[in-house]
Amino acid sequence: MDVFDIEELGGVATATISRPRNCTMCRECIRRDGWSERVILRKRNDHFIFTVESSGCISPEEIVREGINVLKEKASRFKGLLVDYESSL
């Protein structure tokens, strides 16, 4: 997937993640014998990579801000439903 760059310093090869957006977690990089001990694959729970595209009418920054506002509103409504449900028990 062309995620890693291999750097050789002092006869030691080191893989560095240079294109994380290319990673699909396909695990192809650890399929060869011995590589599962050298490469640790894991997802970060506090890290998101996403792409925002705009037709030009609205800036990507504004799209993200509006999206966050929509998520906040939906979370608030969901929280209200939970409170109502718990109080009915």
N, C-alpha and C. Protein backbone atom coordinates (compact mmCIF):
# COMPACT_ATOMS: atom_id res chain seq x y z
N MET A 1 0.82 -1.20 0.00
CA MET A 1 0.00 0.00 0.00
C MET A 1 0.87 1.26 0.00
N ASP A 2 2.19 1.09 -0.01
CA ASP A 2 3.11 2.22 -0.06
C ASP A 2 2.94 3.14 1.15
N VAL A 3 2.85 2.52 2.34
CA VAL A 3 2.68 3.27 3.58
C VAL A 3 4.03 3.63 4.20
N PHE A 4 4.99 2.70 4.09
CA PHE A 4 6.27 2.86 4.78
C PHE A 4 7.36 3.34 3.84
N ASP A 5 8.33 4.05 4.43
CA ASP A 5 9.61 4.31 3.79
C ASP A 5 10.64 3.53 4.58
N ILE A 6 11.58 2.92 3.88
CA ILE A 6 12.65 2.17 4.53
C ILE A 6 13.91 3.02 4.52
N GLU A 7 14.44 3.26 5.71
CA GLU A 7 15.68 4.03 5.85
C GLU A 7 16.75 3.11 6.39
N GLU A 8 17.94 3.18 5.82
CA GLU A 8 19.03 2.35 6.28
C GLU A 8 20.12 3.24 6.86
N LEU A 9 20.34 3.11 8.16
CA LEU A 9 21.35 3.89 8.87
C LEU A 9 22.30 2.93 9.58
N GLY A 10 23.56 2.97 9.22
CA GLY A 10 24.55 2.13 9.88
C GLY A 10 24.27 0.65 9.71
N GLY A 11 23.73 0.26 8.58
CA GLY A 11 23.46 -1.15 8.31
C GLY A 11 22.17 -1.67 8.94
N VAL A 12 21.41 -0.79 9.60
CA VAL A 12 20.15 -1.18 10.22
C VAL A 12 19.01 -0.54 9.43
N ALA A 13 18.09 -1.37 8.95
CA ALA A 13 16.95 -0.88 8.20
C ALA A 13 15.82 -0.54 9.16
N THR A 14 15.25 0.63 8.98
CA THR A 14 14.14 1.08 9.82
C THR A 14 12.99 1.51 8.91
N ALA A 15 11.81 1.03 9.24
CA ALA A 15 10.61 1.43 8.49
C ALA A 15 9.96 2.58 9.23
N THR A 16 9.65 3.62 8.48
CA THR A 16 8.92 4.74 9.07
C THR A 16 7.62 4.93 8.30
N ILE A 17 6.58 5.27 9.01
CA ILE A 17 5.28 5.50 8.38
C ILE A 17 5.30 6.87 7.74
N SER A 18 5.26 6.89 6.43
CA SER A 18 5.34 8.16 5.73
C SER A 18 4.01 8.56 5.09
N ARG A 19 3.15 7.57 4.84
CA ARG A 19 1.85 7.85 4.21
C ARG A 19 0.75 7.10 4.96
N PRO A 20 0.39 7.55 6.16
CA PRO A 20 -0.60 6.82 6.97
C PRO A 20 -1.98 6.76 6.32
N ARG A 21 -2.32 7.71 5.48
CA ARG A 21 -3.64 7.69 4.82
C ARG A 21 -3.77 6.52 3.84
N ASN A 22 -2.64 5.96 3.41
CA ASN A 22 -2.70 4.81 2.50
C ASN A 22 -3.00 3.51 3.22
N CYS A 23 -2.85 3.49 4.53
CA CYS A 23 -3.02 2.25 5.29
C CYS A 23 -4.50 1.88 5.38
N THR A 24 -4.81 0.64 5.01
CA THR A 24 -6.18 0.13 5.09
C THR A 24 -6.30 -0.94 6.17
N MET A 25 -5.24 -1.14 6.95
CA MET A 25 -5.18 -2.19 7.97
C MET A 25 -5.37 -3.57 7.35
N CYS A 26 -4.86 -3.75 6.13
CA CYS A 26 -5.00 -5.04 5.42
C CYS A 26 -4.05 -6.09 5.99
N ARG A 27 -3.07 -5.68 6.79
CA ARG A 27 -2.11 -6.55 7.45
C ARG A 27 -1.10 -7.18 6.48
N GLU A 28 -1.08 -6.72 5.25
CA GLU A 28 -0.17 -7.26 4.25
C GLU A 28 1.29 -7.05 4.66
N CYS A 29 1.57 -6.00 5.38
CA CYS A 29 2.95 -5.68 5.78
C CYS A 29 3.51 -6.65 6.82
N ILE A 30 2.68 -7.47 7.44
CA ILE A 30 3.19 -8.43 8.44
C ILE A 30 2.96 -9.87 8.02
N ARG A 31 2.61 -10.12 6.77
CA ARG A 31 2.34 -11.49 6.31
C ARG A 31 3.61 -12.31 6.10
N ARG A 32 4.72 -11.67 5.82
CA ARG A 32 5.97 -12.41 5.61
C ARG A 32 6.48 -12.95 6.94
N ASP A 33 7.18 -14.07 6.89
CA ASP A 33 7.71 -14.69 8.10
C ASP A 33 8.57 -13.73 8.90
N GLY A 34 8.30 -13.64 10.20
CA GLY A 34 9.09 -12.81 11.10
C GLY A 34 8.65 -11.36 11.20
N TRP A 35 7.83 -10.89 10.29
CA TRP A 35 7.45 -9.48 10.30
C TRP A 35 6.45 -9.15 11.38
N SER A 36 5.66 -10.12 11.82
CA SER A 36 4.68 -9.81 12.87
C SER A 36 5.38 -9.49 14.19
N GLU A 37 6.64 -9.92 14.34
CA GLU A 37 7.41 -9.55 15.54
C GLU A 37 8.06 -8.18 15.39
N ARG A 38 8.21 -7.72 14.16
CA ARG A 38 8.88 -6.44 13.91
C ARG A 38 7.92 -5.26 13.77
N VAL A 39 6.71 -5.54 13.31
CA VAL A 39 5.74 -4.48 13.05
C VAL A 39 4.54 -4.69 13.96
N ILE A 40 4.16 -3.66 14.68
CA ILE A 40 2.98 -3.72 15.54
C ILE A 40 1.91 -2.85 14.90
N LEU A 41 0.80 -3.48 14.54
CA LEU A 41 -0.31 -2.75 13.95
C LEU A 41 -1.37 -2.51 15.01
N ARG A 42 -1.80 -1.29 15.11
CA ARG A 42 -2.88 -0.97 16.03
C ARG A 42 -3.51 0.34 15.60
N LYS A 43 -4.75 0.51 15.97
CA LYS A 43 -5.44 1.76 15.71
C LYS A 43 -5.39 2.61 16.96
N ARG A 44 -5.37 3.90 16.76
CA ARG A 44 -5.40 4.83 17.88
C ARG A 44 -6.84 5.25 18.10
N ASN A 45 -7.31 5.11 19.33
CA ASN A 45 -8.70 5.44 19.64
C ASN A 45 -8.96 6.94 19.67
N ASP A 46 -7.90 7.74 19.79
CA ASP A 46 -8.08 9.19 19.90
C ASP A 46 -7.61 9.93 18.64
N HIS A 47 -7.54 9.22 17.53
CA HIS A 47 -6.98 9.81 16.33
C HIS A 47 -7.86 9.43 15.13
N PHE A 48 -8.23 10.42 14.35
CA PHE A 48 -9.07 10.18 13.19
C PHE A 48 -8.42 10.81 11.97
N ILE A 49 -8.44 10.10 10.87
CA ILE A 49 -7.99 10.64 9.60
C ILE A 49 -9.20 10.64 8.67
N PHE A 50 -9.58 11.79 8.21
CA PHE A 50 -10.68 11.87 7.28
C PHE A 50 -10.42 12.97 6.28
N THR A 51 -11.15 12.93 5.19
CA THR A 51 -10.99 13.90 4.12
C THR A 51 -12.29 14.67 3.95
N VAL A 52 -12.18 15.97 3.79
CA VAL A 52 -13.34 16.81 3.55
C VAL A 52 -13.17 17.44 2.17
N GLU A 53 -14.17 17.26 1.33
CA GLU A 53 -14.14 17.86 0.01
C GLU A 53 -15.26 18.88 -0.09
N SER A 54 -14.97 19.97 -0.76
CA SER A 54 -15.96 21.03 -0.93
C SER A 54 -16.06 21.38 -2.42
N SER A 55 -17.24 21.79 -2.81
CA SER A 55 -17.42 22.23 -4.20
C SER A 55 -16.95 23.68 -4.37
N GLY A 56 -16.60 24.32 -3.28
CA GLY A 56 -16.11 25.68 -3.33
C GLY A 56 -17.07 26.69 -2.72
N CYS A 57 -18.33 26.32 -2.56
CA CYS A 57 -19.31 27.23 -1.96
C CYS A 57 -19.05 27.44 -0.48
N ILE A 58 -18.65 26.37 0.18
CA ILE A 58 -18.37 26.41 1.62
C ILE A 58 -16.96 25.88 1.82
N SER A 59 -16.20 26.51 2.68
CA SER A 59 -14.82 26.06 2.93
C SER A 59 -14.84 24.75 3.70
N PRO A 60 -13.82 23.91 3.54
CA PRO A 60 -13.75 22.67 4.31
C PRO A 60 -13.81 22.91 5.82
N GLU A 61 -13.20 24.00 6.29
CA GLU A 61 -13.23 24.32 7.71
C GLU A 61 -14.65 24.54 8.20
N GLU A 62 -15.45 25.26 7.40
CA GLU A 62 -16.85 25.52 7.77
C GLU A 62 -17.67 24.23 7.74
N ILE A 63 -17.39 23.36 6.78
CA ILE A 63 -18.09 22.07 6.71
C ILE A 63 -17.83 21.26 7.97
N VAL A 64 -16.58 21.23 8.42
CA VAL A 64 -16.23 20.48 9.64
C VAL A 64 -16.91 21.11 10.85
N ARG A 65 -16.87 22.45 10.95
CA ARG A 65 -17.54 23.13 12.08
C ARG A 65 -19.03 22.80 12.12
N GLU A 66 -19.69 22.87 10.97
CA GLU A 66 -21.12 22.56 10.90
C GLU A 66 -21.38 21.10 11.26
N GLY A 67 -20.52 20.22 10.78
CA GLY A 67 -20.66 18.79 11.11
C GLY A 67 -20.55 18.54 12.61
N ILE A 68 -19.61 19.23 13.25
CA ILE A 68 -19.45 19.10 14.70
C ILE A 68 -20.70 19.62 15.41
N ASN A 69 -21.25 20.73 14.94
CA ASN A 69 -22.48 21.26 15.54
C ASN A 69 -23.64 20.27 15.41
N VAL A 70 -23.75 19.63 14.26
CA VAL A 70 -24.81 18.63 14.06
C VAL A 70 -24.61 17.46 15.02
N LEU A 71 -23.37 16.99 15.16
CA LEU A 71 -23.09 15.88 16.08
C LEU A 71 -23.41 16.27 17.52
N LYS A 72 -23.08 17.48 17.92
CA LYS A 72 -23.39 17.94 19.27
C LYS A 72 -24.90 17.93 19.51
N GLU A 73 -25.65 18.42 18.54
CA GLU A 73 -27.11 18.46 18.65
C GLU A 73 -27.69 17.06 18.77
N LYS A 74 -27.21 16.15 17.95
CA LYS A 74 -27.70 14.77 18.00
C LYS A 74 -27.33 14.10 19.32
N ALA A 75 -26.12 14.36 19.82
CA ALA A 75 -25.71 13.78 21.10
C ALA A 75 -26.56 14.34 22.24
N SER A 76 -26.89 15.61 22.17
CA SER A 76 -27.73 16.23 23.19
C SER A 76 -29.13 15.62 23.18
N ARG A 77 -29.69 15.43 22.00
CA ARG A 77 -31.02 14.80 21.90
C ARG A 77 -30.98 13.36 22.42
N PHE A 78 -29.92 12.63 22.08
CA PHE A 78 -29.78 11.26 22.55
C PHE A 78 -29.66 11.21 24.06
N LYS A 79 -28.88 12.13 24.63
CA LYS A 79 -28.74 12.19 26.08
C LYS A 79 -30.09 12.45 26.73
N GLY A 80 -30.89 13.35 26.14
CA GLY A 80 -32.23 13.63 26.65
C GLY A 80 -33.11 12.39 26.62
N LEU A 81 -33.03 11.62 25.56
CA LEU A 81 -33.80 10.37 25.47
C LEU A 81 -33.39 9.39 26.57
N LEU A 82 -32.08 9.30 26.83
CA LEU A 82 -31.60 8.41 27.89
C LEU A 82 -32.11 8.84 29.26
N VAL A 83 -32.08 10.14 29.52
CA VAL A 83 -32.57 10.66 30.81
C VAL A 83 -34.05 10.35 30.96
N ASP A 84 -34.83 10.59 29.89
CA ASP A 84 -36.26 10.29 29.93
C ASP A 84 -36.50 8.80 30.16
N TYR A 85 -35.72 7.97 29.51
CA TYR A 85 -35.88 6.52 29.66
C TYR A 85 -35.56 6.08 31.10
N GLU A 86 -34.44 6.59 31.62
CA GLU A 86 -34.04 6.22 32.99
C GLU A 86 -35.06 6.68 34.02
N SER A 87 -35.65 7.83 33.81
CA SER A 87 -36.63 8.34 34.77
C SER A 87 -37.95 7.56 34.71
N SER A 88 -38.19 6.88 33.57
CA SER A 88 -39.43 6.11 33.45
C SER A 88 -39.30 4.72 34.06
N LEU A 89 -38.09 4.34 34.44
CA LEU A 89 -37.89 2.99 35.03
C LEU A 89 -38.30 2.91 36.46
